[in-house]
Amino acid sequence: MTLLATTIDTPLCPMRAATTDRGICLLEMGSPERRSRETSELEAAYGCTVQTGDHPLLDQLAGELQAYFNGDLQQFTVPLDTPGTDWQQRVWSELVKIPFGQTTSYGELATRLGNPGGSRAVGLANGRNRVSIVIPCHRVIASDGTLHGYVGGIERKRWLLDHEQTHISSGLFAGA
């Protein structure tokens, strides 16, 4: 197994991305401490070290991120390789179903997953998502509409939600 990583510059911030041959396993914008923890966890999960390098999947991710930030992409198609528990996998699979420009609450997501009252469990799984934006955990908000719990920072969560709303409301999106 090989883990290759690079930094992708985006309008939001530089993001650290990593991939296996199967798919993207990291897209991180958090603190250096979080990046270090995520890297260590991936190395443990895959039994190898992360190395800086190029890979076609990293190129695809960079292109899709550029299109997303330009307002030309609603849903990512780059393959993912995201190790996690069964519950985390279920939450992450549900996250990618949240439409561009829309939000849902932790409680609503828990109910959809058959765990009414499991909003805290959804929040914990959301926080373990290593592939920010592609798995759109920023689209999950508190039931009262406030923003909580984004590892990239609440200001970045607000920026992403505003970005999506701008492109939905302006009609700039193909098919919007």
C-alpha atoms as a PDB file:
ATOM      1  CA  MET A   1       0.000   0.000   0.000  1.00  0.00           C
ATOM      2  CA  THR A   2       1.221   3.467  -0.869  1.00  0.00           C
ATOM      3  CA  LEU A   3      -0.076   6.721   0.576  1.00  0.00           C
ATOM      4  CA  LEU A   4       0.810   9.783  -1.470  1.00  0.00           C
ATOM      5  CA  ALA A   5       0.088  13.328  -0.320  1.00  0.00           C
ATOM      6  CA  THR A   6       0.214  16.850  -1.642  1.00  0.00           C
ATOM      7  CA  THR A   7      -1.027  20.320  -0.756  1.00  0.00           C
ATOM      8  CA  ILE A   8      -3.787  21.780  -2.900  1.00  0.00           C
ATOM      9  CA  ASP A   9      -4.251  25.537  -2.852  1.00  0.00           C
ATOM     10  CA  THR A  10      -7.903  26.576  -2.723  1.00  0.00           C
ATOM     11  CA  PRO A  11      -9.666  29.925  -2.275  1.00  0.00           C
ATOM     12  CA  LEU A  12     -10.585  28.797   1.249  1.00  0.00           C
ATOM     13  CA  CYS A  13      -7.107  27.723   2.386  1.00  0.00           C
ATOM     14  CA  PRO A  14      -4.297  25.342   1.436  1.00  0.00           C
ATOM     15  CA  MET A  15      -5.568  21.799   1.939  1.00  0.00           C
ATOM     16  CA  ARG A  16      -3.567  18.640   2.574  1.00  0.00           C
ATOM     17  CA  ALA A  17      -4.742  15.742   0.406  1.00  0.00           C
ATOM     18  CA  ALA A  18      -3.683  12.100   0.396  1.00  0.00           C
ATOM     19  CA  THR A  19      -4.621   9.073  -1.668  1.00  0.00           C
ATOM     20  CA  THR A  20      -4.153   5.364  -1.990  1.00  0.00           C
ATOM     21  CA  ASP A  21      -4.431   3.657  -5.361  1.00  0.00           C
ATOM     22  CA  ARG A  22      -8.100   3.002  -4.491  1.00  0.00           C
ATOM     23  CA  GLY A  23      -9.138   6.544  -3.642  1.00  0.00           C
ATOM     24  CA  ILE A  24      -8.730   9.791  -1.764  1.00  0.00           C
ATOM     25  CA  CYS A  25      -8.338   9.213   1.966  1.00  0.00           C
ATOM     26  CA  LEU A  26      -7.580  12.734   3.209  1.00  0.00           C
ATOM     27  CA  LEU A  27      -8.579  16.298   2.413  1.00  0.00           C
ATOM     28  CA  GLU A  28      -7.778  18.314   5.492  1.00  0.00           C
ATOM     29  CA  MET A  29      -7.900  22.016   6.304  1.00  0.00           C
ATOM     30  CA  GLY A  30      -7.631  21.842  10.071  1.00  0.00           C
ATOM     31  CA  SER A  31      -4.844  22.808  12.411  1.00  0.00           C
ATOM     32  CA  PRO A  32      -1.322  21.403  12.070  1.00  0.00           C
ATOM     33  CA  GLU A  33      -2.058  19.232  15.118  1.00  0.00           C
ATOM     34  CA  ARG A  34      -5.135  17.751  13.436  1.00  0.00           C
ATOM     35  CA  ARG A  35      -3.210  17.167  10.203  1.00  0.00           C
ATOM     36  CA  SER A  36      -0.523  15.359  12.164  1.00  0.00           C
ATOM     37  CA  ARG A  37      -3.107  13.199  13.973  1.00  0.00           C
ATOM     38  CA  GLU A  38      -4.929  12.388  10.723  1.00  0.00           C
ATOM     39  CA  THR A  39      -1.658  11.413   9.047  1.00  0.00           C
ATOM     40  CA  SER A  40      -0.695   9.163  11.972  1.00  0.00           C
ATOM     41  CA  GLU A  41      -4.120   7.495  11.961  1.00  0.00           C
ATOM     42  CA  LEU A  42      -3.950   6.859   8.213  1.00  0.00           C
ATOM     43  CA  GLU A  43      -0.453   5.426   8.490  1.00  0.00           C
ATOM     44  CA  ALA A  44      -1.674   3.080  11.231  1.00  0.00           C
ATOM     45  CA  ALA A  45      -4.797   2.094   9.259  1.00  0.00           C
ATOM     46  CA  TYR A  46      -2.843   1.333   6.085  1.00  0.00           C
ATOM     47  CA  GLY A  47       0.415   0.094   7.647  1.00  0.00           C
ATOM     48  CA  CYS A  48       2.648   2.460   5.690  1.00  0.00           C
ATOM     49  CA  THR A  49       3.943   6.019   5.771  1.00  0.00           C
ATOM     50  CA  VAL A  50       2.537   8.988   3.909  1.00  0.00           C
ATOM     51  CA  GLN A  51       4.938  10.271   1.282  1.00  0.00           C
ATOM     52  CA  THR A  52       4.796  13.444  -0.757  1.00  0.00           C
ATOM     53  CA  GLY A  53       4.126  12.667  -4.389  1.00  0.00           C
ATOM     54  CA  ASP A  54       1.948  12.881  -7.460  1.00  0.00           C
ATOM     55  CA  HIS A  55      -0.946  10.607  -8.320  1.00  0.00           C
ATOM     56  CA  PRO A  56      -3.715  10.793 -10.960  1.00  0.00           C
ATOM     57  CA  LEU A  57      -6.365  10.737  -8.204  1.00  0.00           C
ATOM     58  CA  LEU A  58      -4.756  13.762  -6.541  1.00  0.00           C
ATOM     59  CA  ASP A  59      -4.849  15.504  -9.925  1.00  0.00           C
ATOM     60  CA  GLN A  60      -8.525  14.587 -10.327  1.00  0.00           C
ATOM     61  CA  LEU A  61      -9.271  15.886  -6.832  1.00  0.00           C
ATOM     62  CA  ALA A  62      -7.466  19.165  -7.516  1.00  0.00           C
ATOM     63  CA  GLY A  63      -9.454  19.637 -10.726  1.00  0.00           C
ATOM     64  CA  GLU A  64     -12.755  18.850  -9.045  1.00  0.00           C
ATOM     65  CA  LEU A  65     -11.957  21.208  -6.163  1.00  0.00           C
ATOM     66  CA  GLN A  66     -11.174  23.974  -8.652  1.00  0.00           C
ATOM     67  CA  ALA A  67     -14.503  23.349 -10.383  1.00  0.00           C
ATOM     68  CA  TYR A  68     -16.314  23.319  -7.020  1.00  0.00           C
ATOM     69  CA  PHE A  69     -14.773  26.629  -5.984  1.00  0.00           C
ATOM     70  CA  ASN A  70     -15.490  28.111  -9.419  1.00  0.00           C
ATOM     71  CA  GLY A  71     -19.143  27.165  -9.002  1.00  0.00           C
ATOM     72  CA  ASP A  72     -19.087  24.548 -11.761  1.00  0.00           C
ATOM     73  CA  LEU A  73     -19.321  21.326  -9.697  1.00  0.00           C
ATOM     74  CA  GLN A  74     -22.022  20.190  -7.288  1.00  0.00           C
ATOM     75  CA  GLN A  75     -20.987  16.598  -6.622  1.00  0.00           C
ATOM     76  CA  PHE A  76     -17.533  15.080  -6.562  1.00  0.00           C
ATOM     77  CA  THR A  77     -16.776  11.925  -8.538  1.00  0.00           C
ATOM     78  CA  VAL A  78     -13.231  11.212  -7.368  1.00  0.00           C
ATOM     79  CA  PRO A  79     -13.081   7.741  -5.751  1.00  0.00           C
ATOM     80  CA  LEU A  80     -12.693   7.627  -1.973  1.00  0.00           C
ATOM     81  CA  ASP A  81     -10.893   5.206   0.327  1.00  0.00           C
ATOM     82  CA  THR A  82     -12.031   6.179   3.807  1.00  0.00           C
ATOM     83  CA  PRO A  83     -11.308   3.753   6.635  1.00  0.00           C
ATOM     84  CA  GLY A  84     -13.751   3.962   9.532  1.00  0.00           C
ATOM     85  CA  THR A  85     -16.218   2.053  11.652  1.00  0.00           C
ATOM     86  CA  ASP A  86     -19.470   0.745  10.196  1.00  0.00           C
ATOM     87  CA  TRP A  87     -21.348   3.634  11.855  1.00  0.00           C
ATOM     88  CA  GLN A  88     -18.917   6.224  10.471  1.00  0.00           C
ATOM     89  CA  GLN A  89     -19.246   4.717   6.998  1.00  0.00           C
ATOM     90  CA  ARG A  90     -23.042   4.912   7.240  1.00  0.00           C
ATOM     91  CA  VAL A  91     -22.918   8.556   8.355  1.00  0.00           C
ATOM     92  CA  TRP A  92     -20.428   9.498   5.631  1.00  0.00           C
ATOM     93  CA  SER A  93     -22.529   7.742   2.997  1.00  0.00           C
ATOM     94  CA  GLU A  94     -25.531   9.768   4.109  1.00  0.00           C
ATOM     95  CA  LEU A  95     -23.536  13.018   4.095  1.00  0.00           C
ATOM     96  CA  VAL A  96     -22.795  12.749   0.374  1.00  0.00           C
ATOM     97  CA  LYS A  97     -26.553  12.607  -0.252  1.00  0.00           C
ATOM     98  CA  ILE A  98     -27.107  16.108   1.170  1.00  0.00           C
ATOM     99  CA  PRO A  99     -27.663  18.268  -1.922  1.00  0.00           C
ATOM    100  CA  PHE A 100     -25.326  21.119  -2.763  1.00  0.00           C
ATOM    101  CA  GLY A 101     -26.519  24.328  -1.144  1.00  0.00           C
ATOM    102  CA  GLN A 102     -28.743  22.558   1.392  1.00  0.00           C
ATOM    103  CA  THR A 103     -28.273  21.663   5.029  1.00  0.00           C
ATOM    104  CA  THR A 104     -29.640  19.107   7.452  1.00  0.00           C
ATOM    105  CA  SER A 105     -29.412  18.823  11.214  1.00  0.00           C
ATOM    106  CA  TYR A 106     -27.518  16.255  13.221  1.00  0.00           C
ATOM    107  CA  GLY A 107     -30.849  14.985  14.543  1.00  0.00           C
ATOM    108  CA  GLU A 108     -32.427  14.695  11.087  1.00  0.00           C
ATOM    109  CA  LEU A 109     -29.416  12.757   9.884  1.00  0.00           C
ATOM    110  CA  ALA A 110     -29.574  10.453  12.911  1.00  0.00           C
ATOM    111  CA  THR A 111     -33.263   9.780  12.252  1.00  0.00           C
ATOM    112  CA  ARG A 112     -32.573   8.975   8.581  1.00  0.00           C
ATOM    113  CA  LEU A 113     -29.963   6.480   9.779  1.00  0.00           C
ATOM    114  CA  GLY A 114     -32.471   4.781  12.073  1.00  0.00           C
ATOM    115  CA  ASN A 115     -31.012   6.217  15.277  1.00  0.00           C
ATOM    116  CA  PRO A 116     -33.469   8.856  16.526  1.00  0.00           C
ATOM    117  CA  GLY A 117     -31.839  10.714  19.377  1.00  0.00           C
ATOM    118  CA  GLY A 118     -28.408   9.835  17.970  1.00  0.00           C
ATOM    119  CA  SER A 119     -27.417  13.364  16.986  1.00  0.00           C
ATOM    120  CA  ARG A 120     -24.330  13.216  19.203  1.00  0.00           C
ATOM    121  CA  ALA A 121     -23.221   9.964  17.517  1.00  0.00           C
ATOM    122  CA  VAL A 122     -23.708  11.631  14.122  1.00  0.00           C
ATOM    123  CA  GLY A 123     -21.655  14.604  15.296  1.00  0.00           C
ATOM    124  CA  LEU A 124     -18.830  12.353  16.438  1.00  0.00           C
ATOM    125  CA  ALA A 125     -18.789  10.469  13.129  1.00  0.00           C
ATOM    126  CA  ASN A 126     -19.001  13.784  11.276  1.00  0.00           C
ATOM    127  CA  GLY A 127     -15.928  14.976  13.164  1.00  0.00           C
ATOM    128  CA  ARG A 128     -13.997  11.882  12.088  1.00  0.00           C
ATOM    129  CA  ASN A 129     -14.557  12.613   8.399  1.00  0.00           C
ATOM    130  CA  ARG A 130     -11.079  12.976   6.874  1.00  0.00           C
ATOM    131  CA  VAL A 131     -12.283  14.104   3.455  1.00  0.00           C
ATOM    132  CA  SER A 132     -13.709  17.580   4.011  1.00  0.00           C
ATOM    133  CA  ILE A 133     -15.843  19.149   1.283  1.00  0.00           C
ATOM    134  CA  VAL A 134     -15.923  15.939  -0.804  1.00  0.00           C
ATOM    135  CA  ILE A 135     -17.849  14.301   2.042  1.00  0.00           C
ATOM    136  CA  PRO A 136     -19.777  17.487   2.832  1.00  0.00           C
ATOM    137  CA  CYS A 137     -19.888  17.468   6.623  1.00  0.00           C
ATOM    138  CA  HIS A 138     -20.139  21.272   6.483  1.00  0.00           C
ATOM    139  CA  ARG A 139     -23.780  20.838   5.424  1.00  0.00           C
ATOM    140  CA  VAL A 140     -24.764  19.504   8.856  1.00  0.00           C
ATOM    141  CA  ILE A 141     -25.965  22.135  11.328  1.00  0.00           C
ATOM    142  CA  ALA A 142     -27.674  22.270  14.716  1.00  0.00           C
ATOM    143  CA  SER A 143     -31.452  21.833  14.842  1.00  0.00           C
ATOM    144  CA  ASP A 144     -31.838  25.534  15.690  1.00  0.00           C
ATOM    145  CA  GLY A 145     -29.950  26.493  12.516  1.00  0.00           C
ATOM    146  CA  THR A 146     -26.719  27.494  14.223  1.00  0.00           C
ATOM    147  CA  LEU A 147     -23.309  26.275  13.118  1.00  0.00           C
ATOM    148  CA  HIS A 148     -21.448  23.869  15.354  1.00  0.00           C
ATOM    149  CA  GLY A 149     -18.624  21.404  15.234  1.00  0.00           C
ATOM    150  CA  TYR A 150     -16.540  21.969  12.142  1.00  0.00           C
ATOM    151  CA  VAL A 151     -12.914  20.896  12.503  1.00  0.00           C
ATOM    152  CA  GLY A 152     -11.841  23.402   9.854  1.00  0.00           C
ATOM    153  CA  GLY A 153     -13.380  26.135  12.003  1.00  0.00           C
ATOM    154  CA  ILE A 154     -16.843  27.659  12.082  1.00  0.00           C
ATOM    155  CA  GLU A 155     -15.711  30.540   9.862  1.00  0.00           C
ATOM    156  CA  ARG A 156     -14.742  28.063   7.119  1.00  0.00           C
ATOM    157  CA  LYS A 157     -18.015  26.186   7.539  1.00  0.00           C
ATOM    158  CA  ARG A 158     -19.899  29.484   7.099  1.00  0.00           C
ATOM    159  CA  TRP A 159     -17.729  30.323   4.056  1.00  0.00           C
ATOM    160  CA  LEU A 160     -18.526  26.978   2.394  1.00  0.00           C
ATOM    161  CA  LEU A 161     -22.264  27.275   3.065  1.00  0.00           C
ATOM    162  CA  ASP A 162     -22.285  30.870   1.782  1.00  0.00           C
ATOM    163  CA  HIS A 163     -20.277  29.801  -1.285  1.00  0.00           C
ATOM    164  CA  GLU A 164     -22.834  27.121  -2.140  1.00  0.00           C
ATOM    165  CA  GLN A 165     -25.783  29.452  -1.535  1.00  0.00           C
ATOM    166  CA  THR A 166     -24.232  32.094  -3.783  1.00  0.00           C
ATOM    167  CA  HIS A 167     -23.896  29.647  -6.654  1.00  0.00           C
ATOM    168  CA  ILE A 168     -27.366  28.178  -6.171  1.00  0.00           C
ATOM    169  CA  SER A 169     -29.114  31.554  -5.899  1.00  0.00           C
ATOM    170  CA  SER A 170     -27.199  33.149  -8.759  1.00  0.00           C
ATOM    171  CA  GLY A 171     -28.158  30.336 -11.113  1.00  0.00           C
ATOM    172  CA  LEU A 172     -24.506  30.027 -12.149  1.00  0.00           C
ATOM    173  CA  PHE A 173     -24.673  26.308 -11.664  1.00  0.00           C
ATOM    174  CA  ALA A 174     -25.128  24.121 -14.696  1.00  0.00           C
ATOM    175  CA  GLY A 175     -28.462  22.479 -14.212  1.00  0.00           C
ATOM    176  CA  ALA A 176     -29.405  24.798 -11.348  1.00  0.00           C
END
